[in-house]
Amino acid sequence: MIDLLASRYTYVLMFVLLGIGIYMAIASENLVKKLIGVNLFQTAIFLFFVSMAYIDADGASAPIVPHHGEPGEVMVASPLPQVIVLTAIVVGIALTAVGLALIIRIYSEYGTLREDTLREVRADE
């Protein structure tokens, strides 16, 4: 069991990041901590995609087919998951920027970032 976990350490790290991220997003009262939790959750998903694309075999290479090999014969890693992850990273950065802009606006309007206090203030209005 330990050997399996040692050889698949990226999956263990992915589940740890996933758990910490979802816990922070659900249990935290602070909006900035919630946003950090969502970012950790996204990072875990990125790590999962990259880990799934990894080929752990002798003779595996980058996705460049050499002239002497036939297309079905050469074992290469698929570049598609890396492309999807790069696109998702850009979307994640945009999501973080918009989230931080909204958090700054909420703080300037209400003077707090605690979710329970914001609910009370909104209920009084």
Protein backbone atom coordinates (compact mmCIF):
# COMPACT_ATOMS: atom_id res chain seq x y z
CA MET A 1 0.00 0.00 0.00
CA ILE A 2 2.84 2.39 0.88
CA ASP A 3 4.59 1.55 -2.40
CA LEU A 4 1.44 2.38 -4.34
CA LEU A 5 1.08 5.73 -2.56
CA ALA A 6 4.77 6.51 -3.10
CA SER A 7 4.52 5.81 -6.82
CA ARG A 8 1.29 7.81 -7.21
CA TYR A 9 2.17 10.76 -4.98
CA THR A 10 0.55 13.28 -7.35
CA TYR A 11 -2.85 11.70 -6.73
CA VAL A 12 -2.32 11.89 -2.97
CA LEU A 13 -1.32 15.55 -3.30
CA MET A 14 -4.35 16.15 -5.51
CA PHE A 15 -6.74 14.72 -2.90
CA VAL A 16 -5.06 16.72 -0.11
CA LEU A 17 -5.39 19.96 -2.10
CA LEU A 18 -8.95 19.07 -3.05
CA GLY A 19 -9.91 18.47 0.57
CA ILE A 20 -8.24 21.62 1.88
CA GLY A 21 -9.74 23.72 -0.91
CA ILE A 22 -13.29 22.48 -0.46
CA TYR A 23 -13.00 22.83 3.33
CA MET A 24 -11.78 26.42 3.02
CA ALA A 25 -14.53 27.29 0.54
CA ILE A 26 -17.27 25.85 2.75
CA ALA A 27 -16.14 26.41 6.35
CA SER A 28 -14.49 29.83 6.18
CA GLU A 29 -16.48 32.96 6.96
CA ASN A 30 -13.97 35.31 5.29
CA LEU A 31 -14.54 35.93 1.57
CA VAL A 32 -10.81 36.12 0.77
CA LYS A 33 -10.25 32.72 2.41
CA LYS A 34 -13.16 31.33 0.39
CA LEU A 35 -11.54 32.59 -2.81
CA ILE A 36 -8.21 31.03 -1.80
CA GLY A 37 -10.05 27.75 -1.18
CA VAL A 38 -11.57 27.88 -4.65
CA ASN A 39 -8.09 28.48 -6.09
CA LEU A 40 -6.71 25.46 -4.21
CA PHE A 41 -9.59 23.38 -5.52
CA GLN A 42 -8.78 24.52 -9.08
CA THR A 43 -5.11 23.68 -8.58
CA ALA A 44 -6.05 20.17 -7.48
CA ILE A 45 -8.07 19.70 -10.66
CA PHE A 46 -5.15 20.96 -12.76
CA LEU A 47 -2.83 18.51 -11.03
CA PHE A 48 -5.30 15.72 -11.71
CA PHE A 49 -5.40 16.47 -15.45
CA VAL A 50 -1.62 16.65 -15.73
CA SER A 51 -1.20 13.45 -13.69
CA MET A 52 -3.63 11.59 -15.92
CA ALA A 53 -1.66 12.61 -19.02
CA TYR A 54 1.64 11.32 -17.63
CA ILE A 55 2.92 8.14 -19.28
CA ASP A 56 5.06 6.04 -16.96
CA ALA A 57 6.65 3.61 -19.39
CA ASP A 58 10.06 2.96 -20.84
CA GLY A 59 10.44 4.51 -24.26
CA ALA A 60 7.68 7.07 -23.81
CA SER A 61 8.53 10.46 -25.23
CA ALA A 62 7.21 13.90 -26.03
CA PRO A 63 4.35 14.03 -28.56
CA ILE A 64 6.68 14.36 -31.55
CA VAL A 65 6.50 11.42 -33.93
CA PRO A 66 9.96 10.62 -35.36
CA HIS A 67 10.45 9.97 -39.05
CA HIS A 68 11.51 6.34 -38.54
CA GLY A 69 8.53 5.30 -36.39
CA GLU A 70 5.02 4.50 -37.51
CA PRO A 71 2.16 6.51 -35.97
CA GLY A 72 0.56 3.62 -34.05
CA GLU A 73 3.88 2.21 -32.90
CA VAL A 74 5.41 5.10 -30.96
CA MET A 75 4.19 5.70 -27.38
CA VAL A 76 3.77 9.42 -26.78
CA ALA A 77 2.03 11.55 -24.18
CA SER A 78 -1.10 13.35 -25.31
CA PRO A 79 -0.63 17.14 -25.36
CA LEU A 80 -4.38 17.79 -25.06
CA PRO A 81 -4.59 17.70 -21.22
CA GLN A 82 -1.75 20.21 -20.96
CA VAL A 83 -3.51 22.53 -23.39
CA ILE A 84 -6.75 22.24 -21.43
CA VAL A 85 -4.92 22.96 -18.18
CA LEU A 86 -3.21 26.03 -19.65
CA THR A 87 -6.58 27.35 -20.78
CA ALA A 88 -8.08 26.59 -17.37
CA ILE A 89 -5.22 28.42 -15.65
CA VAL A 90 -6.00 31.55 -17.66
CA VAL A 91 -9.69 31.23 -16.80
CA GLY A 92 -8.76 30.68 -13.13
CA ILE A 93 -6.65 33.83 -13.08
CA ALA A 94 -9.51 35.81 -14.59
CA LEU A 95 -11.91 34.33 -12.03
CA THR A 96 -9.54 35.27 -9.21
CA ALA A 97 -9.15 38.82 -10.52
CA VAL A 98 -12.91 39.32 -10.79
CA GLY A 99 -13.43 37.75 -7.36
CA LEU A 100 -10.84 40.02 -5.77
CA ALA A 101 -12.38 43.07 -7.48
CA LEU A 102 -15.79 42.13 -6.07
CA ILE A 103 -14.28 41.54 -2.63
CA ILE A 104 -12.65 44.99 -2.70
CA ARG A 105 -15.97 46.53 -3.70
CA ILE A 106 -17.83 44.67 -0.94
CA TYR A 107 -15.26 45.78 1.63
CA SER A 108 -15.46 49.42 0.55
CA GLU A 109 -19.27 49.30 0.66
CA TYR A 110 -19.82 47.36 3.90
CA GLY A 111 -16.48 47.55 5.74
CA THR A 112 -16.26 43.81 6.41
CA LEU A 113 -15.50 40.56 4.61
CA ARG A 114 -17.19 38.20 7.06
CA GLU A 115 -20.11 36.38 5.51
CA ASP A 116 -22.29 36.32 8.64
CA THR A 117 -21.85 40.07 9.18
CA LEU A 118 -22.68 40.74 5.54
CA ARG A 119 -25.89 38.71 5.88
CA GLU A 120 -26.93 40.78 8.91
CA VAL A 121 -26.15 44.07 7.16
CA ARG A 122 -28.07 43.00 4.03
CA ALA A 123 -31.04 41.88 6.14
CA ASP A 124 -31.19 45.29 7.84
CA GLU A 125 -31.33 47.18 4.52
